[in-house]
């Protein structure tokens, strides 16, 4: 296979893997996605299972260069810890901000995870619509 064909094949495989990950999302991922999708958080767009470089991340906000990872229990095992560390180092070296939380943290207290995501978006310097600058709630909630 010539190099351009190999690169095309890799992109296709990565797209297929991301599609599979979206269709087999964990309960935590489905719930968080329901809160982030359709620009519900201050009109900021998130994508799920997004390919970035050699990796596929759980959630990604391109304007804030923010990666949000929801980690299951297996991420406490040594091989996953090493992989996550390598991945996080690569993302940070390429100017991405990485926010990690566990599935159980999110299920126990989803608002604190949303607050952390909101703070990370604000700290990125993304210009936000005026009425939403002081809010930590996704758009459409609250009074």
N, C-alpha and C. Protein backbone atom coordinates (compact mmCIF):
# COMPACT_ATOMS: atom_id res chain seq x y z
N UNK A 1 0.85 -1.19 0.00
CA UNK A 1 0.00 0.00 0.00
C UNK A 1 0.89 1.24 0.00
N UNK A 2 0.63 2.17 -0.87
CA UNK A 2 1.39 3.42 -0.93
C UNK A 2 1.03 4.30 0.25
N UNK A 3 1.93 5.19 0.68
CA UNK A 3 1.67 6.03 1.85
C UNK A 3 0.36 6.81 1.83
N UNK A 4 -0.05 7.47 0.72
CA UNK A 4 -1.34 8.17 0.77
C UNK A 4 -2.51 7.22 1.01
N UNK A 5 -2.45 6.03 0.43
CA UNK A 5 -3.52 5.06 0.65
C UNK A 5 -3.52 4.58 2.10
N UNK A 6 -2.34 4.44 2.68
CA UNK A 6 -2.23 4.02 4.08
C UNK A 6 -2.83 5.09 5.00
N UNK A 7 -2.54 6.34 4.74
CA UNK A 7 -3.09 7.43 5.55
C UNK A 7 -4.61 7.47 5.43
N UNK A 8 -5.12 7.28 4.23
CA UNK A 8 -6.57 7.26 4.02
C UNK A 8 -7.19 6.09 4.77
N UNK A 9 -6.55 4.94 4.73
CA UNK A 9 -7.06 3.77 5.43
C UNK A 9 -7.08 3.99 6.94
N UNK A 10 -6.03 4.63 7.48
CA UNK A 10 -5.98 4.93 8.91
C UNK A 10 -7.12 5.87 9.31
N UNK A 11 -7.36 6.90 8.50
CA UNK A 11 -8.47 7.83 8.79
C UNK A 11 -9.80 7.09 8.78
N UNK A 12 -9.99 6.21 7.81
CA UNK A 12 -11.22 5.44 7.72
C UNK A 12 -11.39 4.55 8.95
N UNK A 13 -10.34 3.87 9.35
CA UNK A 13 -10.41 3.01 10.55
C UNK A 13 -10.70 3.82 11.80
N UNK A 14 -10.10 5.00 11.91
CA UNK A 14 -10.33 5.85 13.08
C UNK A 14 -11.78 6.33 13.10
N UNK A 15 -12.31 6.70 11.94
CA UNK A 15 -13.72 7.11 11.86
C UNK A 15 -14.65 5.98 12.25
N UNK A 16 -14.35 4.78 11.78
CA UNK A 16 -15.16 3.61 12.12
C UNK A 16 -15.08 3.33 13.62
N UNK A 17 -13.91 3.46 14.20
CA UNK A 17 -13.74 3.23 15.65
C UNK A 17 -14.53 4.27 16.44
N UNK A 18 -14.46 5.53 16.03
CA UNK A 18 -15.21 6.59 16.72
C UNK A 18 -16.71 6.32 16.62
N UNK A 19 -17.17 5.89 15.47
CA UNK A 19 -18.59 5.56 15.29
C UNK A 19 -18.99 4.42 16.23
N UNK A 20 -18.14 3.41 16.33
CA UNK A 20 -18.42 2.30 17.24
C UNK A 20 -18.47 2.78 18.70
N UNK A 21 -17.53 3.63 19.09
CA UNK A 21 -17.50 4.15 20.45
C UNK A 21 -18.76 4.97 20.76
N UNK A 22 -19.23 5.74 19.78
CA UNK A 22 -20.47 6.51 19.99
C UNK A 22 -21.65 5.58 20.19
N UNK A 23 -21.71 4.51 19.43
CA UNK A 23 -22.86 3.61 19.52
C UNK A 23 -22.81 2.73 20.77
N UNK A 24 -21.64 2.59 21.37
CA UNK A 24 -21.52 1.74 22.57
C UNK A 24 -21.14 2.58 23.80
N UNK A 25 -21.66 3.79 23.86
CA UNK A 25 -21.34 4.71 24.95
C UNK A 25 -21.80 4.15 26.30
N UNK A 26 -21.04 4.51 27.34
CA UNK A 26 -21.44 4.14 28.70
C UNK A 26 -22.61 5.02 29.13
N UNK A 27 -23.25 4.62 30.21
CA UNK A 27 -24.35 5.42 30.77
C UNK A 27 -23.88 6.84 31.09
N UNK A 28 -22.69 6.97 31.67
CA UNK A 28 -22.15 8.29 32.00
C UNK A 28 -21.95 9.13 30.75
N UNK A 29 -21.39 8.52 29.71
CA UNK A 29 -21.16 9.25 28.45
C UNK A 29 -22.49 9.71 27.84
N UNK A 30 -23.49 8.84 27.86
CA UNK A 30 -24.80 9.23 27.31
C UNK A 30 -25.40 10.39 28.08
N UNK A 31 -25.30 10.33 29.40
CA UNK A 31 -25.86 11.41 30.22
C UNK A 31 -25.12 12.73 30.03
N UNK A 32 -23.78 12.66 30.02
CA UNK A 32 -23.03 13.90 29.81
C UNK A 32 -23.30 14.46 28.43
N UNK A 33 -23.36 13.60 27.43
CA UNK A 33 -23.64 14.06 26.07
C UNK A 33 -25.01 14.76 26.00
N UNK A 34 -25.98 14.24 26.74
CA UNK A 34 -27.31 14.86 26.72
C UNK A 34 -27.26 16.28 27.30
N UNK A 35 -26.25 16.58 28.10
CA UNK A 35 -26.11 17.92 28.69
C UNK A 35 -25.22 18.84 27.87
N UNK A 36 -24.37 18.27 27.02
CA UNK A 36 -23.43 19.08 26.24
C UNK A 36 -23.87 19.28 24.79
N UNK A 37 -24.64 18.36 24.26
CA UNK A 37 -24.98 18.41 22.84
C UNK A 37 -25.83 19.64 22.50
N UNK A 38 -25.88 19.95 21.22
CA UNK A 38 -26.70 21.05 20.70
C UNK A 38 -26.37 22.40 21.35
N UNK A 39 -25.10 22.59 21.66
CA UNK A 39 -24.61 23.88 22.19
C UNK A 39 -25.36 24.32 23.44
N UNK A 40 -25.70 23.38 24.30
CA UNK A 40 -26.47 23.71 25.50
C UNK A 40 -25.66 24.47 26.54
N UNK A 41 -24.35 24.36 26.49
CA UNK A 41 -23.50 25.06 27.45
C UNK A 41 -22.98 26.33 26.79
N UNK A 42 -23.65 27.42 27.05
CA UNK A 42 -23.23 28.75 26.57
C UNK A 42 -22.98 28.79 25.07
N UNK A 43 -23.76 28.08 24.32
CA UNK A 43 -23.65 28.06 22.86
C UNK A 43 -22.30 27.57 22.36
N UNK A 44 -21.60 26.79 23.19
CA UNK A 44 -20.30 26.24 22.81
C UNK A 44 -20.53 24.81 22.31
N UNK A 45 -19.96 24.51 21.15
CA UNK A 45 -20.18 23.20 20.54
C UNK A 45 -19.19 22.17 21.06
N UNK A 46 -19.71 21.02 21.43
CA UNK A 46 -18.90 19.87 21.81
C UNK A 46 -19.15 18.77 20.80
N UNK A 47 -18.15 17.95 20.59
CA UNK A 47 -18.28 16.74 19.78
C UNK A 47 -17.94 15.56 20.67
N UNK A 48 -18.50 14.41 20.35
CA UNK A 48 -18.15 13.23 21.14
C UNK A 48 -17.40 12.23 20.27
N UNK A 49 -16.52 11.48 20.93
CA UNK A 49 -15.67 10.50 20.27
C UNK A 49 -15.00 11.13 19.05
N UNK A 50 -14.24 12.19 19.31
CA UNK A 50 -13.59 12.97 18.28
C UNK A 50 -12.14 12.52 18.10
N UNK A 51 -11.74 12.28 16.86
CA UNK A 51 -10.35 11.94 16.57
C UNK A 51 -9.49 13.20 16.66
N UNK A 52 -8.43 13.10 17.45
CA UNK A 52 -7.44 14.17 17.57
C UNK A 52 -6.08 13.51 17.50
N UNK A 53 -5.33 13.81 16.44
CA UNK A 53 -4.03 13.17 16.27
C UNK A 53 -4.21 11.66 16.27
N UNK A 54 -3.39 10.95 17.05
CA UNK A 54 -3.49 9.49 17.05
C UNK A 54 -4.57 8.95 18.00
N UNK A 55 -5.34 9.83 18.63
CA UNK A 55 -6.28 9.41 19.67
C UNK A 55 -7.72 9.75 19.31
N UNK A 56 -8.65 9.09 20.02
CA UNK A 56 -10.06 9.44 19.96
C UNK A 56 -10.44 9.83 21.38
N UNK A 57 -10.92 11.06 21.55
CA UNK A 57 -11.26 11.56 22.88
C UNK A 57 -12.77 11.48 23.09
N UNK A 58 -13.18 11.42 24.36
CA UNK A 58 -14.60 11.26 24.67
C UNK A 58 -15.42 12.47 24.21
N UNK A 59 -15.02 13.67 24.65
CA UNK A 59 -15.72 14.90 24.28
C UNK A 59 -14.69 15.96 23.95
N UNK A 60 -15.01 16.80 22.96
CA UNK A 60 -14.06 17.81 22.52
C UNK A 60 -14.78 19.09 22.15
N UNK A 61 -14.26 20.20 22.67
CA UNK A 61 -14.74 21.54 22.31
C UNK A 61 -13.60 22.23 21.57
N UNK A 62 -13.75 22.40 20.28
CA UNK A 62 -12.64 22.92 19.46
C UNK A 62 -12.31 24.38 19.77
N UNK A 63 -13.31 25.23 20.00
CA UNK A 63 -12.99 26.65 20.24
C UNK A 63 -12.23 26.85 21.54
N UNK A 64 -12.45 25.97 22.52
CA UNK A 64 -11.74 26.07 23.80
C UNK A 64 -10.53 25.13 23.84
N UNK A 65 -10.34 24.31 22.78
CA UNK A 65 -9.30 23.28 22.76
C UNK A 65 -9.35 22.45 24.04
N UNK A 66 -10.57 22.07 24.40
CA UNK A 66 -10.82 21.35 25.64
C UNK A 66 -11.24 19.91 25.35
N UNK A 67 -10.54 18.98 25.98
CA UNK A 67 -10.85 17.55 25.91
C UNK A 67 -11.43 17.16 27.25
N UNK A 68 -12.58 16.50 27.24
CA UNK A 68 -13.20 15.99 28.47
C UNK A 68 -13.23 14.48 28.37
N UNK A 69 -12.61 13.83 29.36
CA UNK A 69 -12.55 12.37 29.39
C UNK A 69 -13.32 11.85 30.59
N UNK A 70 -14.21 10.90 30.35
CA UNK A 70 -14.92 10.19 31.41
C UNK A 70 -14.27 8.81 31.51
N UNK A 71 -13.66 8.53 32.66
CA UNK A 71 -12.92 7.29 32.82
C UNK A 71 -13.70 6.27 33.63
N UNK A 72 -13.76 5.06 33.11
CA UNK A 72 -14.39 3.95 33.83
C UNK A 72 -13.43 3.33 34.82
N UNK A 73 -13.88 2.32 35.52
CA UNK A 73 -13.07 1.65 36.55
C UNK A 73 -11.76 1.10 36.01
N UNK A 74 -11.76 0.65 34.76
CA UNK A 74 -10.55 0.04 34.20
C UNK A 74 -9.39 1.04 34.13
N UNK A 75 -9.68 2.33 34.16
CA UNK A 75 -8.62 3.34 34.06
C UNK A 75 -7.76 3.40 35.32
N UNK A 76 -8.14 2.67 36.37
CA UNK A 76 -7.31 2.57 37.56
C UNK A 76 -6.23 1.51 37.45
N UNK A 77 -6.30 0.67 36.42
CA UNK A 77 -5.31 -0.38 36.21
C UNK A 77 -4.04 0.22 35.62
N UNK A 78 -2.90 -0.38 35.96
CA UNK A 78 -1.60 0.16 35.56
C UNK A 78 -1.48 0.44 34.06
N UNK A 79 -1.89 -0.51 33.23
CA UNK A 79 -1.70 -0.30 31.78
C UNK A 79 -2.55 0.86 31.28
N UNK A 80 -3.74 1.04 31.83
CA UNK A 80 -4.59 2.16 31.43
C UNK A 80 -4.04 3.48 31.97
N UNK A 81 -3.51 3.44 33.19
CA UNK A 81 -2.92 4.65 33.76
C UNK A 81 -1.76 5.14 32.89
N UNK A 82 -0.90 4.21 32.47
CA UNK A 82 0.25 4.58 31.60
C UNK A 82 -0.25 5.13 30.27
N UNK A 83 -1.23 4.46 29.68
CA UNK A 83 -1.77 4.91 28.39
C UNK A 83 -2.40 6.30 28.54
N UNK A 84 -3.20 6.49 29.58
CA UNK A 84 -3.84 7.79 29.81
C UNK A 84 -2.81 8.89 30.02
N UNK A 85 -1.75 8.56 30.75
CA UNK A 85 -0.69 9.55 30.99
C UNK A 85 0.01 9.94 29.69
N UNK A 86 0.33 8.95 28.87
CA UNK A 86 0.97 9.22 27.58
C UNK A 86 0.05 10.06 26.69
N UNK A 87 -1.17 9.70 26.66
CA UNK A 87 -2.18 10.40 25.85
C UNK A 87 -2.36 11.83 26.32
N UNK A 88 -2.47 12.02 27.63
CA UNK A 88 -2.64 13.36 28.19
C UNK A 88 -1.41 14.22 27.89
N UNK A 89 -0.22 13.64 28.04
CA UNK A 89 1.01 14.39 27.72
C UNK A 89 1.01 14.84 26.26
N UNK A 90 0.61 13.94 25.35
CA UNK A 90 0.59 14.28 23.93
C UNK A 90 -0.41 15.42 23.68
N UNK A 91 -1.60 15.29 24.25
CA UNK A 91 -2.63 16.31 24.04
C UNK A 91 -2.16 17.67 24.59
N UNK A 92 -1.60 17.66 25.79
CA UNK A 92 -1.14 18.92 26.38
C UNK A 92 0.03 19.51 25.59
N UNK A 93 0.93 18.68 25.09
CA UNK A 93 2.05 19.16 24.27
C UNK A 93 1.55 19.80 22.99
N UNK A 94 0.34 19.41 22.57
CA UNK A 94 -0.25 19.98 21.36
C UNK A 94 -1.32 21.03 21.70
N UNK A 95 -1.19 21.62 22.87
CA UNK A 95 -2.00 22.76 23.32
C UNK A 95 -3.48 22.45 23.55
N UNK A 96 -3.78 21.23 23.94
CA UNK A 96 -5.13 20.89 24.34
C UNK A 96 -5.18 20.86 25.86
N UNK A 97 -6.28 21.31 26.39
CA UNK A 97 -6.50 21.20 27.83
C UNK A 97 -7.29 19.92 28.06
N UNK A 98 -6.91 19.14 29.07
CA UNK A 98 -7.55 17.85 29.33
C UNK A 98 -8.19 17.88 30.70
N UNK A 99 -9.46 17.57 30.74
CA UNK A 99 -10.22 17.49 31.98
C UNK A 99 -10.70 16.05 32.12
N UNK A 100 -10.30 15.40 33.20
CA UNK A 100 -10.67 14.00 33.43
C UNK A 100 -11.53 13.89 34.66
N UNK A 101 -12.53 13.02 34.58
CA UNK A 101 -13.29 12.64 35.77
C UNK A 101 -13.73 11.21 35.58
N UNK A 102 -14.11 10.59 36.66
CA UNK A 102 -14.54 9.19 36.56
C UNK A 102 -16.04 9.13 36.30
N UNK A 103 -16.46 8.00 35.76
CA UNK A 103 -17.89 7.78 35.55
C UNK A 103 -18.64 7.93 36.86
N UNK A 104 -18.10 7.34 37.93
CA UNK A 104 -18.79 7.39 39.21
C UNK A 104 -18.87 8.82 39.76
N UNK A 105 -17.83 9.64 39.56
CA UNK A 105 -17.89 11.05 39.97
C UNK A 105 -19.04 11.76 39.26
N UNK A 106 -19.12 11.52 37.95
CA UNK A 106 -20.17 12.19 37.17
C UNK A 106 -21.56 11.73 37.61
N UNK A 107 -21.74 10.42 37.79
CA UNK A 107 -23.05 9.92 38.17
C UNK A 107 -23.45 10.38 39.58
N UNK A 108 -22.46 10.52 40.46
CA UNK A 108 -22.72 10.94 41.83
C UNK A 108 -23.06 12.44 41.90
N UNK A 109 -22.33 13.25 41.12
CA UNK A 109 -22.52 14.70 41.20
C UNK A 109 -22.30 15.35 39.83
N UNK A 110 -23.27 15.19 38.93
CA UNK A 110 -23.09 15.72 37.57
C UNK A 110 -22.87 17.23 37.53
N UNK A 111 -23.48 17.95 38.45
CA UNK A 111 -23.34 19.41 38.43
C UNK A 111 -21.89 19.84 38.67
N UNK A 112 -21.17 19.14 39.55
CA UNK A 112 -19.78 19.54 39.79
C UNK A 112 -18.92 19.29 38.55
N UNK A 113 -19.22 18.25 37.80
CA UNK A 113 -18.49 17.99 36.55
C UNK A 113 -18.84 19.07 35.53
N UNK A 114 -20.12 19.41 35.41
CA UNK A 114 -20.51 20.49 34.50
C UNK A 114 -19.86 21.81 34.89
N UNK A 115 -19.79 22.09 36.19
CA UNK A 115 -19.13 23.31 36.66
C UNK A 115 -17.66 23.32 36.26
N UNK A 116 -16.98 22.18 36.40
CA UNK A 116 -15.57 22.10 36.03
C UNK A 116 -15.39 22.31 34.52
N UNK A 117 -16.28 21.74 33.73
CA UNK A 117 -16.23 21.95 32.27
C UNK A 117 -16.46 23.41 31.96
N UNK A 118 -17.45 24.01 32.60
CA UNK A 118 -17.77 25.42 32.38
C UNK A 118 -16.58 26.31 32.72
N UNK A 119 -15.93 26.05 33.87
CA UNK A 119 -14.75 26.84 34.26
C UNK A 119 -13.64 26.70 33.22
N UNK A 120 -13.43 25.49 32.73
CA UNK A 120 -12.39 25.26 31.73
C UNK A 120 -12.70 26.01 30.44
N UNK A 121 -13.96 26.04 30.04
CA UNK A 121 -14.35 26.81 28.84
C UNK A 121 -14.09 28.29 29.08
N UNK A 122 -14.48 28.80 30.24
CA UNK A 122 -14.27 30.21 30.55
C UNK A 122 -12.78 30.55 30.58
N UNK A 123 -11.97 29.69 31.19
CA UNK A 123 -10.53 29.94 31.31
C UNK A 123 -9.83 29.89 29.96
N UNK A 124 -10.45 29.28 28.97
CA UNK A 124 -9.84 29.18 27.64
C UNK A 124 -9.84 30.53 26.92
N UNK A 125 -10.66 31.46 27.40
CA UNK A 125 -10.74 32.76 26.76
C UNK A 125 -11.71 32.82 25.60
N UNK A 126 -12.53 31.81 25.43
CA UNK A 126 -13.53 31.80 24.36
C UNK A 126 -14.51 32.94 24.62
N UNK A 127 -14.75 33.81 23.64
CA UNK A 127 -15.75 34.87 23.85
C UNK A 127 -17.14 34.25 23.99
N UNK A 128 -17.81 34.61 25.06
CA UNK A 128 -19.13 34.05 25.34
C UNK A 128 -20.20 35.13 25.19
N UNK A 129 -21.42 34.74 24.82
CA UNK A 129 -22.51 35.70 24.74
C UNK A 129 -22.70 36.37 26.11
N UNK A 130 -22.96 37.66 26.13
CA UNK A 130 -23.04 38.45 27.36
C UNK A 130 -23.92 37.86 28.45
N UNK A 131 -25.17 37.47 28.19
CA UNK A 131 -26.01 36.99 29.29
C UNK A 131 -25.52 35.70 29.94
N UNK A 132 -24.64 34.95 29.25
CA UNK A 132 -24.22 33.65 29.77
C UNK A 132 -22.90 33.71 30.52
N UNK A 133 -22.24 34.84 30.54
CA UNK A 133 -20.90 34.89 31.12
C UNK A 133 -20.87 34.55 32.59
N UNK A 134 -21.90 34.84 33.34
CA UNK A 134 -21.88 34.55 34.76
C UNK A 134 -22.53 33.24 35.13
N UNK A 135 -23.09 32.53 34.19
CA UNK A 135 -23.85 31.32 34.46
C UNK A 135 -22.97 30.08 34.40
N UNK A 136 -23.25 29.12 35.26
CA UNK A 136 -22.57 27.82 35.17
C UNK A 136 -23.55 26.76 34.65
N UNK A 137 -24.78 27.13 34.42
CA UNK A 137 -25.78 26.18 33.96
C UNK A 137 -25.77 26.08 32.44
N UNK A 138 -26.05 24.90 31.92
CA UNK A 138 -26.21 24.80 30.47
C UNK A 138 -27.34 25.72 30.02
N UNK A 139 -27.23 26.21 28.81
CA UNK A 139 -28.22 27.12 28.25
C UNK A 139 -29.61 26.52 28.35
N UNK A 140 -30.57 27.32 28.76
CA UNK A 140 -31.95 26.88 28.82
C UNK A 140 -32.37 26.41 30.19
N UNK A 141 -31.41 26.26 31.12
CA UNK A 141 -31.79 25.84 32.47
C UNK A 141 -31.72 27.04 33.41
N UNK A 142 -32.38 26.93 34.51
CA UNK A 142 -32.34 28.00 35.52
C UNK A 142 -33.37 29.07 35.22
N UNK A 143 -33.23 30.16 35.90
CA UNK A 143 -34.26 31.17 35.72
C UNK A 143 -33.75 32.45 35.44
